[in-house]
Amino acid sequence: MYRSRLGLPTSSAFYTLPRVSPTPKSNFATQTRRSLSLSHRLTPAGFNLRNFGTSPAVMASKDEKITDWVYKGDKSGEFKRQQSSFRSFISREAGAEFPPEKGRYHLYVSYACPWATRTLIARKLKGLEDIISFSAVHWHMGAQGWRFATAEDSDAEGENVIPDPVEGHAGFTHIRQIYFAANPDYQGRFTVPVLYDKAKKTIVNNESSEILRMFGTEFDDLIDEKYRAVVLYPAALQKEIDEANEWQYDLINNGVYKSGFATTQAAYERNVVALFGALDRAEAHLAAQTAGPYWFGKDITEVDIRLFVTIIRFDPVYVQHFKCNLRDIRSGYPALHAWMRELYWRVPAFRDTANFLHIKNHYTRSHTQINPFSITPLGPLPDVLPLDEEVPVVKATAAAKA
């Protein structure tokens, strides 16, 4: 509806919108899709998952699996993230197909998934806990994708890690069933986050960057003033936010995956070098920031949310599991480390959504092509250092400079 009405391309190609001046009540629909990076699309090119890889008309091989992150016929060895499929919007515009309403929408997430926890952080920052319900899947991704926890599960502690709570979904065991209920002919990947409309019984959106943008503005008429004052995409910073989102998405958020899922040495080296170049750039920006503790100074924006979910996972997972080991955050990037800990320890929305049990178990026990014995490293300890502590090498360096 909004894509065609706004003159947007109906294909799933990359695009950038021209800038449109916002109006008080309809700023979202006229500004969405502007430089929003693509999200948790992990399907290799040409990979149809409708029948678990049993459709020879689409699949190159019947051996393809959900957890094959690089298409087996791709000799480049490059991980290529696919695009989100459900791209409707909750909007305050008159006549919107999906208007903001209390209790109407449900958010499905995984605590393990950085893309999904973006939306969970925004939900808390904007005070939407009583307006949008949520539930989290079990951390394990198997042959059928994300599954819901059961009453028998004792290894996936966390808030709302429960069976599918939505009415009419009593028999649902996997996220894939929500996709097929919304579209029986669906042929994409079964990803989180999923923003679900309980009234229309369909998926509104499964693109994290767009859900994040919706949560930032479209429920403002339903929340208290203190939450309306939380502006994650302020007009004065929109150009800078879009620019930061673009390079951070490609080189950092997705860069860890392109490094870790690479199936050739050349692909790995190319992407890991680019990743650390981008981390150096982020470090330089934060080291020069004197206006406050966040990316743009005193106020949290989308950039803080989108970058945090990768950096908080970096030392516990990406250093060893994805071979992103040129440096770690706690000993190699003091400004990034301080920024990350500031968010984690001082802003509950960030700490409360960082579940390291789910994070570490998911990567190390679901990605069996990387870790075939599913052994989960114990370290680093602790998962996040306290604000006033440093690793020994940092302490020694500081002492030498004193």
Protein backbone atom coordinates (compact mmCIF):
# COMPACT_ATOMS: atom_id res chain seq x y z
CA MET A 1 0.00 0.00 0.00
CA TYR A 2 2.52 2.61 1.14
CA ARG A 3 5.23 1.48 -1.27
CA SER A 4 3.08 2.08 -4.35
CA ARG A 5 1.41 5.18 -2.93
CA LEU A 6 4.75 6.78 -2.22
CA GLY A 7 6.11 5.92 -5.63
CA LEU A 8 8.55 3.36 -4.23
CA PRO A 9 9.84 0.49 -6.35
CA THR A 10 7.82 -2.68 -5.86
CA SER A 11 10.81 -4.96 -6.30
CA SER A 12 13.11 -5.83 -3.42
CA ALA A 13 16.12 -4.04 -4.92
CA PHE A 14 18.23 -1.63 -2.87
CA TYR A 15 16.94 1.91 -3.00
CA THR A 16 17.21 5.27 -1.32
CA LEU A 17 14.35 7.73 -0.97
CA PRO A 18 14.64 11.44 -1.63
CA ARG A 19 14.23 13.56 1.48
CA VAL A 20 10.73 14.72 2.32
CA SER A 21 9.96 17.36 4.93
CA PRO A 22 8.06 15.76 7.83
CA THR A 23 4.66 16.84 9.06
CA PRO A 24 3.59 16.43 12.66
CA LYS A 25 1.26 13.45 12.19
CA SER A 26 2.49 11.76 9.00
CA ASN A 27 6.24 11.99 9.20
CA PHE A 28 6.78 8.24 9.28
CA ALA A 29 5.18 7.10 6.03
CA THR A 30 6.84 9.89 4.11
CA GLN A 31 10.31 9.19 5.52
CA THR A 32 10.46 5.40 5.79
CA ARG A 33 12.86 3.42 3.65
CA ARG A 34 15.24 6.36 3.57
CA SER A 35 18.66 4.76 3.74
CA LEU A 36 17.45 1.95 5.99
CA SER A 37 19.95 -0.88 5.88
CA LEU A 38 18.64 -4.37 5.27
CA SER A 39 18.30 -6.74 8.17
CA HIS A 40 18.52 -10.35 9.23
CA ARG A 41 18.28 -12.01 5.82
CA LEU A 42 20.45 -15.07 5.85
CA THR A 43 19.31 -16.90 2.72
CA PRO A 44 21.91 -17.77 0.09
CA ALA A 45 21.07 -16.49 -3.38
CA GLY A 46 18.70 -18.86 -5.14
CA PHE A 47 17.86 -20.68 -1.89
CA ASN A 48 14.18 -21.68 -1.55
CA LEU A 49 13.18 -22.89 1.91
CA ARG A 50 9.51 -23.65 1.29
CA ASN A 51 10.07 -27.40 1.42
CA PHE A 52 13.35 -27.58 3.36
CA GLY A 53 15.32 -27.71 0.15
CA THR A 54 13.26 -30.43 -1.56
CA SER A 55 12.21 -28.40 -4.59
CA PRO A 56 14.67 -29.22 -7.41
CA ALA A 57 13.04 -26.60 -9.63
CA VAL A 58 14.37 -23.91 -7.32
CA MET A 59 17.19 -25.54 -5.41
CA ALA A 60 20.55 -26.23 -6.92
CA SER A 61 20.84 -29.24 -4.62
CA LYS A 62 18.50 -31.24 -2.41
CA ASP A 63 21.25 -31.18 0.21
CA GLU A 64 20.79 -27.47 0.94
CA LYS A 65 19.79 -26.71 4.54
CA ILE A 66 18.48 -23.71 6.48
CA THR A 67 21.88 -23.46 8.14
CA ASP A 68 23.82 -23.34 4.87
CA TRP A 69 24.69 -19.65 5.01
CA VAL A 70 26.59 -19.58 1.70
CA TYR A 71 24.92 -21.15 -1.32
CA LYS A 72 26.92 -24.23 -2.24
CA GLY A 73 27.16 -23.21 -5.88
CA ASP A 74 28.70 -19.82 -5.05
CA LYS A 75 32.44 -20.22 -5.64
CA SER A 76 33.17 -16.73 -4.26
CA GLY A 77 32.67 -18.04 -0.72
CA GLU A 78 30.85 -14.80 0.13
CA PHE A 79 27.92 -14.65 2.53
CA LYS A 80 25.16 -12.64 0.82
CA ARG A 81 22.39 -11.40 3.09
CA GLN A 82 18.97 -11.55 1.50
CA GLN A 83 16.24 -8.94 1.85
CA SER A 84 13.20 -8.85 4.09
CA SER A 85 9.90 -9.96 2.59
CA PHE A 86 7.13 -8.37 4.67
CA ARG A 87 7.44 -4.59 4.41
CA SER A 88 4.15 -3.03 5.51
CA PHE A 89 4.00 -0.25 8.11
CA ILE A 90 2.23 0.72 11.25
CA SER A 91 1.43 4.36 10.60
CA ARG A 92 -0.45 7.28 12.16
CA GLU A 93 -1.50 8.46 8.72
CA ALA A 94 -5.24 8.60 8.12
CA GLY A 95 -6.52 5.42 6.51
CA ALA A 96 -3.40 3.41 7.28
CA GLU A 97 -3.83 -0.33 6.86
CA PHE A 98 -2.03 -0.92 10.15
CA PRO A 99 -2.82 1.90 12.61
CA PRO A 100 -1.13 2.11 16.02
CA GLU A 101 -3.36 0.48 18.63
CA LYS A 102 -2.69 -0.77 22.13
CA GLY A 103 -2.63 -4.56 22.36
CA ARG A 104 -3.00 -5.17 18.63
CA TYR A 105 0.57 -6.12 17.72
CA HIS A 106 2.94 -8.83 18.89
CA LEU A 107 6.71 -8.86 18.45
CA TYR A 108 8.55 -12.15 18.00
CA VAL A 109 12.27 -11.99 18.75
CA SER A 110 15.31 -14.05 19.61
CA TYR A 111 17.64 -12.82 22.33
CA ALA A 112 20.46 -14.37 20.32
CA CYS A 113 19.75 -12.33 17.19
CA PRO A 114 21.30 -8.83 17.07
CA TRP A 115 18.78 -7.66 14.48
CA ALA A 116 15.81 -8.74 16.62
CA THR A 117 17.16 -7.21 19.82
CA ARG A 118 17.36 -3.83 18.08
CA THR A 119 13.57 -3.77 18.15
CA LEU A 120 13.37 -5.02 21.73
CA ILE A 121 15.67 -2.22 22.90
CA ALA A 122 13.54 0.39 21.09
CA ARG A 123 10.35 -1.09 22.57
CA LYS A 124 11.75 -0.52 26.07
CA LEU A 125 13.26 2.91 25.39
CA LYS A 126 9.93 4.14 24.01
CA GLY A 127 7.81 2.73 26.84
CA LEU A 128 5.86 0.34 24.63
CA GLU A 129 5.84 -2.63 27.02
CA ASP A 130 2.09 -2.29 27.71
CA ILE A 131 1.24 -1.51 24.10
CA ILE A 132 3.13 -4.16 22.10
CA SER A 133 3.46 -7.65 23.56
CA PHE A 134 6.50 -9.78 22.82
CA SER A 135 7.84 -13.29 23.12
CA ALA A 136 11.26 -14.82 22.50
CA VAL A 137 12.07 -18.09 20.78
CA HIS A 138 14.44 -20.75 22.06
CA TRP A 139 18.08 -20.00 21.21
CA HIS A 140 18.56 -23.08 19.04
CA MET A 141 18.08 -22.90 15.28
CA GLY A 142 17.68 -26.36 13.78
CA ALA A 143 16.54 -27.85 10.51
CA GLN A 144 13.18 -26.05 10.69
CA GLY A 145 14.57 -22.70 11.82
CA TRP A 146 13.72 -20.89 15.05
CA ARG A 147 11.52 -22.86 17.42
CA PHE A 148 9.38 -21.84 20.35
CA ALA A 149 10.34 -22.92 23.83
CA THR A 150 8.32 -25.69 25.45
CA ALA A 151 7.35 -26.37 29.04
CA GLU A 152 10.07 -29.01 29.15
CA ASP A 153 12.89 -26.64 28.19
CA SER A 154 15.18 -25.75 31.09
CA ASP A 155 18.13 -24.34 29.14
CA ALA A 156 16.74 -21.09 27.75
CA GLU A 157 16.02 -18.77 30.66
CA GLY A 158 14.84 -15.28 29.86
CA GLU A 159 11.84 -12.97 29.93
CA ASN A 160 8.96 -14.32 27.83
CA VAL A 161 10.86 -17.29 26.44
CA ILE A 162 7.59 -19.18 26.05
CA PRO A 163 5.45 -21.11 23.58
CA ASP A 164 3.73 -18.95 20.99
CA PRO A 165 1.25 -16.92 23.09
CA VAL A 166 -0.86 -15.51 20.24
CA GLU A 167 -4.47 -16.67 20.09
CA GLY A 168 -4.98 -19.25 17.38
CA HIS A 169 -1.33 -20.36 17.46
CA ALA A 170 -1.69 -23.06 20.10
CA GLY A 171 -0.23 -25.73 17.84
CA PHE A 172 2.62 -23.62 16.48
CA THR A 173 6.06 -24.96 17.31
CA HIS A 174 8.24 -22.87 14.96
CA ILE A 175 8.42 -19.34 13.60
CA ARG A 176 8.05 -20.80 10.08
CA GLN A 177 4.39 -21.58 10.83
CA ILE A 178 3.68 -17.87 11.32
CA TYR A 179 5.16 -17.14 7.91
CA PHE A 180 3.11 -19.82 6.16
CA ALA A 181 -0.06 -18.76 7.99
CA ALA A 182 0.49 -15.24 6.64
CA ASN A 183 1.42 -16.47 3.16
CA PRO A 184 1.01 -20.17 2.27
CA ASP A 185 3.25 -19.65 -0.77
CA TYR A 186 6.07 -18.00 1.18
CA GLN A 187 9.53 -18.97 -0.13
CA GLY A 188 11.90 -16.87 1.96
CA ARG A 189 13.72 -17.44 5.21
CA PHE A 190 11.99 -17.70 8.59
CA THR A 191 13.65 -14.84 10.43
CA VAL A 192 13.16 -12.69 13.49
CA PRO A 193 12.09 -10.07 14.36
CA VAL A 194 8.50 -10.56 13.24
CA LEU A 195 5.96 -7.82 13.92
CA TYR A 196 2.57 -9.54 13.88
CA ASP A 197 -0.94 -8.06 13.68
CA LYS A 198 -3.25 -10.06 15.93
CA ALA A 199 -6.34 -8.37 14.45
CA LYS A 200 -5.63 -9.15 10.79
CA LYS A 201 -3.72 -12.33 11.66
CA THR A 202 -0.80 -11.50 9.44
CA ILE A 203 2.80 -10.34 9.50
CA VAL A 204 3.19 -6.58 9.23
CA ASN A 205 6.95 -6.41 8.89
CA ASN A 206 10.07 -8.53 9.39
CA GLU A 207 12.70 -5.86 8.67
CA SER A 208 14.36 -4.76 11.90
CA SER A 209 15.43 -1.31 10.73
CA GLU A 210 11.86 -0.46 9.72
CA ILE A 211 10.35 -1.85 12.92
CA LEU A 212 12.87 0.22 14.86
CA ARG A 213 11.75 3.32 12.95
CA MET A 214 8.06 2.54 13.56
CA PHE A 215 8.59 2.12 17.29
CA GLY A 216 10.42 5.43 17.34
CA THR A 217 7.47 7.53 16.22
CA GLU A 218 4.22 5.81 15.33
CA PHE A 219 2.97 5.04 18.84
CA ASP A 220 3.77 8.48 20.27
CA ASP A 221 0.07 9.34 20.64
CA LEU A 222 -0.34 6.37 23.01
CA ILE A 223 2.61 6.87 25.37
CA ASP A 224 3.54 9.22 28.19
CA GLU A 225 5.36 12.46 27.49
CA LYS A 226 8.64 11.18 28.96
CA TYR A 227 8.70 8.48 26.29
CA ARG A 228 7.63 10.84 23.51
CA ALA A 229 10.72 12.84 24.47
CA VAL A 230 12.89 9.87 23.46
CA VAL A 231 13.64 10.74 19.84
CA LEU A 232 15.76 8.09 18.16
CA TYR A 233 15.81 9.73 14.73
CA PRO A 234 15.89 13.50 15.39
CA ALA A 235 15.43 15.76 12.38
CA ALA A 236 18.66 17.65 13.00
CA LEU A 237 20.73 14.45 12.85
CA GLN A 238 18.92 12.44 10.20
CA LYS A 239 21.58 12.89 7.52
CA GLU A 240 24.35 11.89 9.91
CA ILE A 241 22.32 8.95 11.25
CA ASP A 242 21.64 7.66 7.75
CA GLU A 243 25.31 7.92 6.83
CA ALA A 244 26.46 6.11 9.99
CA ASN A 245 23.83 3.39 9.58
CA GLU A 246 24.94 2.73 6.02
CA TRP A 247 28.62 2.04 6.62
CA GLN A 248 28.12 0.41 10.00
CA TYR A 249 25.54 -2.00 8.60
CA ASP A 250 27.68 -3.14 5.70
CA LEU A 251 31.06 -3.26 7.41
CA ILE A 252 30.27 -4.01 11.08
CA ASN A 253 26.73 -5.37 11.65
CA ASN A 254 26.89 -7.54 8.55
CA GLY A 255 30.68 -7.56 8.43
CA VAL A 256 30.98 -10.05 11.28
CA TYR A 257 28.69 -12.43 9.41
CA LYS A 258 30.52 -11.96 6.12
CA SER A 259 33.74 -12.81 7.94
CA GLY A 260 32.37 -15.75 9.92
CA PHE A 261 30.32 -17.40 7.18
CA ALA A 262 32.95 -17.03 4.45
CA THR A 263 33.84 -20.35 2.82
CA THR A 264 37.06 -19.22 1.14
CA GLN A 265 40.19 -17.69 2.64
CA ALA A 266 39.99 -14.76 0.23
CA ALA A 267 36.41 -13.93 1.21
CA TYR A 268 37.26 -14.17 4.90
CA GLU A 269 40.34 -11.96 4.69
CA ARG A 270 38.62 -9.35 2.55
CA ASN A 271 35.72 -8.99 4.96
CA VAL A 272 37.58 -9.23 8.25
CA VAL A 273 40.06 -6.53 7.18
CA ALA A 274 37.14 -4.29 6.17
CA LEU A 275 35.43 -5.02 9.50
CA PHE A 276 38.41 -3.89 11.56
CA GLY A 277 38.87 -0.83 9.40
CA ALA A 278 35.30 0.12 10.26
CA LEU A 279 35.86 -0.58 13.96
CA ASP A 280 38.88 1.73 13.81
CA ARG A 281 36.62 4.39 12.28
CA ALA A 282 34.02 3.93 15.03
CA GLU A 283 36.74 4.09 17.68
CA ALA A 284 38.08 7.36 16.28
CA HIS A 285 34.60 8.90 16.23
CA LEU A 286 33.84 7.97 19.83
CA ALA A 287 37.29 9.00 21.07
CA ALA A 288 36.67 12.46 19.61
CA GLN A 289 33.14 12.76 21.02
CA THR A 290 33.16 15.29 23.86
CA ALA A 291 29.47 16.26 23.97
CA GLY A 292 28.32 13.13 25.82
CA PRO A 293 28.69 9.36 26.17
CA TYR A 294 26.69 8.32 23.11
CA TRP A 295 27.44 8.30 19.38
CA PHE A 296 26.11 11.83 18.86
CA GLY A 297 26.70 13.11 22.37
CA LYS A 298 24.14 13.38 25.13
CA ASP A 299 21.17 11.58 23.56
CA ILE A 300 20.70 7.99 22.43
CA THR A 301 19.80 7.58 18.76
CA GLU A 302 19.24 4.73 16.31
CA VAL A 303 22.99 4.54 15.75
CA ASP A 304 23.64 3.59 19.37
CA ILE A 305 21.02 0.83 19.21
CA ARG A 306 22.14 -0.60 15.88
CA LEU A 307 25.84 -0.61 16.70
CA PHE A 308 25.47 -1.82 20.30
CA VAL A 309 23.87 -5.14 19.38
CA THR A 310 26.98 -6.11 17.40
CA ILE A 311 29.60 -4.74 19.78
CA ILE A 312 28.05 -6.42 22.85
CA ARG A 313 28.38 -9.79 21.05
CA PHE A 314 31.86 -9.15 19.74
CA ASP A 315 34.10 -10.46 22.53
CA PRO A 316 31.81 -13.29 23.74
CA VAL A 317 31.10 -14.66 20.23
CA TYR A 318 32.52 -12.99 17.15
CA VAL A 319 36.19 -13.01 18.19
CA GLN A 320 36.38 -16.80 18.37
CA HIS A 321 33.32 -18.11 16.54
CA PHE A 322 33.52 -15.83 13.48
CA LYS A 323 37.33 -15.53 13.59
CA CYS A 324 37.13 -11.76 14.04
CA ASN A 325 40.28 -11.85 16.12
CA LEU A 326 42.60 -9.10 14.96
CA ARG A 327 41.67 -7.37 18.22
CA ASP A 328 38.93 -7.64 20.81
CA ILE A 329 36.87 -4.75 22.13
CA ARG A 330 37.95 -4.82 25.77
CA SER A 331 41.67 -4.58 25.08
CA GLY A 332 41.84 -3.04 21.62
CA TYR A 333 39.16 -0.35 21.46
CA PRO A 334 38.99 1.73 24.65
CA ALA A 335 36.44 4.28 23.38
CA LEU A 336 34.11 1.63 21.94
CA HIS A 337 34.49 -0.37 25.14
CA ALA A 338 33.57 2.62 27.32
CA TRP A 339 30.61 3.52 25.07
CA MET A 340 29.29 -0.06 25.10
CA ARG A 341 29.56 -0.34 28.89
CA GLU A 342 27.91 3.03 29.39
CA LEU A 343 24.85 1.76 27.51
CA TYR A 344 24.89 -1.67 29.12
CA TRP A 345 25.33 -0.64 32.75
CA ARG A 346 23.45 2.68 32.83
CA VAL A 347 20.53 2.14 30.43
CA PRO A 348 18.31 -0.82 31.42
CA ALA A 349 16.85 -1.24 27.93
CA PHE A 350 20.27 -2.36 26.69
CA ARG A 351 21.26 -4.56 29.63
CA ASP A 352 17.86 -6.23 30.03
CA THR A 353 17.81 -7.38 26.39
CA ALA A 354 21.37 -8.79 26.33
CA ASN A 355 20.94 -12.45 27.27
CA PHE A 356 24.37 -14.07 27.00
CA LEU A 357 23.03 -17.58 27.59
CA HIS A 358 21.00 -17.28 24.39
CA ILE A 359 23.70 -15.40 22.52
CA LYS A 360 26.54 -17.83 23.16
CA ASN A 361 24.51 -21.02 22.88
CA HIS A 362 22.83 -20.01 19.64
CA TYR A 363 25.96 -19.23 17.68
CA THR A 364 28.08 -22.08 18.97
CA ARG A 365 25.40 -24.80 18.90
CA SER A 366 23.35 -23.82 15.85
CA HIS A 367 26.22 -23.10 13.42
CA THR A 368 27.49 -26.66 13.25
CA GLN A 369 29.28 -26.08 9.96
CA ILE A 370 31.57 -23.74 11.93
CA ASN A 371 31.54 -25.58 15.27
CA PRO A 372 30.60 -29.21 14.51
CA PHE A 373 30.91 -30.44 18.12
CA SER A 374 28.78 -27.57 19.48
CA ILE A 375 31.27 -26.73 22.21
CA THR A 376 30.55 -23.37 23.82
CA PRO A 377 33.61 -21.49 25.16
CA LEU A 378 33.41 -20.44 28.81
CA GLY A 379 35.04 -17.06 28.26
CA PRO A 380 35.58 -14.29 28.15
CA LEU A 381 34.83 -13.66 31.81
CA PRO A 382 32.89 -11.67 32.62
CA ASP A 383 30.67 -11.20 29.57
CA VAL A 384 30.81 -7.44 30.17
CA LEU A 385 33.38 -5.78 32.42
CA PRO A 386 32.10 -3.39 35.09
CA LEU A 387 32.46 0.32 34.34
CA ASP A 388 35.43 0.73 36.66
CA GLU A 389 37.40 -2.37 35.63
CA GLU A 390 39.81 -3.06 32.76
CA VAL A 391 41.68 -6.10 31.52
CA PRO A 392 45.31 -6.35 32.74
CA VAL A 393 46.89 -5.16 29.48
CA VAL A 394 44.80 -1.98 29.53
CA LYS A 395 45.68 -1.38 33.19
CA ALA A 396 49.36 -1.86 32.43
CA THR A 397 49.23 0.51 29.47
CA ALA A 398 47.49 3.15 31.56
CA ALA A 399 50.04 2.73 34.36
CA ALA A 400 52.93 3.10 31.93
CA LYS A 401 51.51 6.36 30.64
CA ALA A 402 50.90 7.76 34.12
